[in-house]
N, C-alpha and C. Protein backbone atom coordinates (compact mmCIF):
# COMPACT_ATOMS: atom_id res chain seq x y z
N UNK A 1 -15.19 8.08 -6.90
CA UNK A 1 -14.16 7.51 -6.07
C UNK A 1 -12.95 8.36 -6.14
N UNK A 2 -12.23 8.48 -5.04
CA UNK A 2 -10.97 9.20 -5.03
C UNK A 2 -10.03 8.42 -5.93
N UNK A 3 -9.27 9.06 -6.75
CA UNK A 3 -8.44 8.30 -7.67
C UNK A 3 -7.15 8.92 -8.13
N UNK A 4 -6.61 9.83 -7.35
CA UNK A 4 -5.40 10.49 -7.85
C UNK A 4 -4.12 9.82 -7.41
N UNK A 5 -4.17 8.87 -6.48
CA UNK A 5 -2.94 8.17 -6.07
C UNK A 5 -3.27 6.88 -5.32
N UNK A 6 -2.24 6.10 -5.12
CA UNK A 6 -2.35 4.90 -4.31
C UNK A 6 -3.40 3.91 -4.74
N UNK A 7 -4.02 3.29 -3.77
CA UNK A 7 -5.01 2.24 -4.04
C UNK A 7 -6.22 2.79 -4.79
N UNK A 8 -6.58 4.04 -4.51
CA UNK A 8 -7.72 4.66 -5.21
C UNK A 8 -7.42 4.79 -6.69
N UNK A 9 -6.20 5.20 -7.03
CA UNK A 9 -5.80 5.29 -8.43
C UNK A 9 -5.82 3.93 -9.08
N UNK A 10 -5.27 2.93 -8.38
CA UNK A 10 -5.26 1.57 -8.92
C UNK A 10 -6.66 1.01 -9.14
N UNK A 11 -7.54 1.29 -8.24
CA UNK A 11 -8.93 0.85 -8.36
C UNK A 11 -9.62 1.53 -9.55
N UNK A 12 -9.38 2.85 -9.68
CA UNK A 12 -9.99 3.59 -10.81
C UNK A 12 -9.43 3.05 -12.12
N UNK A 13 -8.12 2.80 -12.18
CA UNK A 13 -7.49 2.29 -13.38
C UNK A 13 -8.04 0.92 -13.77
N UNK A 14 -8.20 0.07 -12.80
CA UNK A 14 -8.77 -1.27 -13.06
C UNK A 14 -10.20 -1.18 -13.56
N UNK A 15 -10.99 -0.31 -12.95
CA UNK A 15 -12.40 -0.13 -13.38
C UNK A 15 -12.47 0.37 -14.81
N UNK A 16 -11.60 1.30 -15.20
CA UNK A 16 -11.57 1.80 -16.58
C UNK A 16 -11.19 0.66 -17.52
N UNK A 17 -10.19 -0.13 -17.11
CA UNK A 17 -9.73 -1.23 -17.95
C UNK A 17 -10.83 -2.27 -18.16
N UNK A 18 -11.72 -2.39 -17.19
CA UNK A 18 -12.83 -3.33 -17.29
C UNK A 18 -14.01 -2.74 -18.05
N UNK A 19 -13.89 -1.49 -18.52
CA UNK A 19 -14.94 -0.89 -19.32
C UNK A 19 -15.86 0.10 -18.59
N UNK A 20 -15.57 0.36 -17.32
CA UNK A 20 -16.41 1.29 -16.56
C UNK A 20 -16.09 2.73 -16.93
N UNK A 21 -17.09 3.59 -16.82
CA UNK A 21 -16.89 5.00 -16.95
C UNK A 21 -16.62 5.53 -15.54
N UNK A 22 -15.46 6.13 -15.35
CA UNK A 22 -14.99 6.53 -14.00
C UNK A 22 -14.84 8.02 -13.92
N UNK A 23 -15.31 8.60 -12.83
CA UNK A 23 -15.04 9.99 -12.47
C UNK A 23 -14.41 9.96 -11.10
N UNK A 24 -13.13 10.37 -11.07
CA UNK A 24 -12.39 10.41 -9.83
C UNK A 24 -12.62 11.75 -9.14
N UNK A 25 -12.38 11.79 -7.84
CA UNK A 25 -12.50 13.03 -7.11
C UNK A 25 -11.27 13.18 -6.24
N UNK A 26 -10.97 14.43 -5.89
CA UNK A 26 -9.83 14.68 -5.02
C UNK A 26 -9.73 16.16 -4.71
N UNK A 27 -8.90 16.48 -3.72
CA UNK A 27 -8.70 17.87 -3.33
C UNK A 27 -7.73 18.62 -4.20
N UNK A 28 -6.75 17.91 -4.79
CA UNK A 28 -5.67 18.54 -5.55
C UNK A 28 -5.99 18.44 -7.06
N UNK A 29 -6.38 19.58 -7.62
CA UNK A 29 -6.79 19.59 -9.02
C UNK A 29 -5.70 19.10 -9.96
N UNK A 30 -4.49 19.60 -9.84
CA UNK A 30 -3.42 19.22 -10.77
C UNK A 30 -3.14 17.73 -10.75
N UNK A 31 -2.98 17.15 -9.56
CA UNK A 31 -2.69 15.71 -9.44
C UNK A 31 -3.88 14.89 -9.93
N UNK A 32 -5.08 15.32 -9.57
CA UNK A 32 -6.27 14.59 -9.99
C UNK A 32 -6.51 14.60 -11.47
N UNK A 33 -6.35 15.76 -12.07
CA UNK A 33 -6.54 15.85 -13.52
C UNK A 33 -5.48 15.03 -14.27
N UNK A 34 -4.24 15.07 -13.80
CA UNK A 34 -3.16 14.30 -14.45
C UNK A 34 -3.45 12.81 -14.35
N UNK A 35 -3.85 12.33 -13.18
CA UNK A 35 -4.15 10.92 -13.00
C UNK A 35 -5.31 10.51 -13.85
N UNK A 36 -6.36 11.34 -13.89
CA UNK A 36 -7.53 11.02 -14.70
C UNK A 36 -7.19 10.94 -16.18
N UNK A 37 -6.34 11.84 -16.67
CA UNK A 37 -5.91 11.78 -18.08
C UNK A 37 -5.17 10.48 -18.35
N UNK A 38 -4.33 10.06 -17.46
CA UNK A 38 -3.54 8.84 -17.66
C UNK A 38 -4.42 7.61 -17.86
N UNK A 39 -5.56 7.58 -17.20
CA UNK A 39 -6.41 6.38 -17.28
C UNK A 39 -7.71 6.64 -18.06
N UNK A 40 -7.82 7.78 -18.71
CA UNK A 40 -9.03 8.15 -19.50
C UNK A 40 -10.28 8.18 -18.64
N UNK A 41 -10.18 8.89 -17.53
CA UNK A 41 -11.32 9.06 -16.61
C UNK A 41 -11.63 10.56 -16.49
N UNK A 42 -12.75 10.85 -15.87
CA UNK A 42 -13.09 12.22 -15.55
C UNK A 42 -12.56 12.59 -14.17
N UNK A 43 -12.60 13.86 -13.83
CA UNK A 43 -12.12 14.32 -12.53
C UNK A 43 -13.00 15.49 -12.04
N UNK A 44 -13.29 15.42 -10.75
CA UNK A 44 -14.00 16.53 -10.05
C UNK A 44 -13.19 16.89 -8.83
N UNK A 45 -12.83 18.17 -8.70
CA UNK A 45 -12.12 18.62 -7.50
C UNK A 45 -13.14 18.86 -6.40
N UNK A 46 -12.99 18.14 -5.29
CA UNK A 46 -13.89 18.27 -4.16
C UNK A 46 -13.24 17.65 -2.93
N UNK A 47 -13.47 18.24 -1.78
CA UNK A 47 -13.03 17.70 -0.49
C UNK A 47 -14.24 17.00 0.11
N UNK A 48 -14.26 15.67 0.04
CA UNK A 48 -15.46 14.91 0.48
C UNK A 48 -15.70 14.98 1.98
N UNK A 49 -14.76 15.52 2.73
CA UNK A 49 -14.96 15.68 4.19
C UNK A 49 -15.77 16.94 4.49
N UNK A 50 -16.02 17.77 3.48
CA UNK A 50 -16.75 19.03 3.68
C UNK A 50 -18.12 18.94 2.96
N UNK A 51 -19.16 18.79 3.73
CA UNK A 51 -20.50 18.56 3.18
C UNK A 51 -20.92 19.72 2.24
N UNK A 52 -20.52 20.95 2.52
CA UNK A 52 -20.88 22.06 1.65
C UNK A 52 -20.31 21.91 0.24
N UNK A 53 -19.16 21.27 0.12
CA UNK A 53 -18.58 21.05 -1.20
C UNK A 53 -19.36 20.02 -2.00
N UNK A 54 -20.01 19.12 -1.32
CA UNK A 54 -20.83 18.12 -2.01
C UNK A 54 -22.07 18.73 -2.62
N UNK A 55 -22.51 19.84 -2.08
CA UNK A 55 -23.71 20.53 -2.57
C UNK A 55 -23.41 21.56 -3.63
N UNK A 56 -22.11 21.81 -3.87
CA UNK A 56 -21.67 22.81 -4.85
C UNK A 56 -21.87 22.28 -6.26
N UNK A 57 -22.44 23.06 -7.17
CA UNK A 57 -22.59 22.59 -8.55
C UNK A 57 -21.22 22.33 -9.20
N UNK A 58 -21.13 21.29 -10.00
CA UNK A 58 -19.90 20.94 -10.69
C UNK A 58 -20.03 21.35 -12.15
N UNK A 59 -18.91 21.78 -12.71
CA UNK A 59 -18.91 22.17 -14.13
C UNK A 59 -18.09 21.20 -14.94
């Protein structure tokens, strides 16, 4: 789920608080990694509107 700002961030934060393991995604690495650190989640930089990025291996 996108989770670096707004309602996506709030949803990710709530899911973590409820005990879920969350991996957020977003286009902006810096903002995404900072948000993920704040809520103890993982982060993957990806633009979900570009199908070729979905096929790219993640590290």
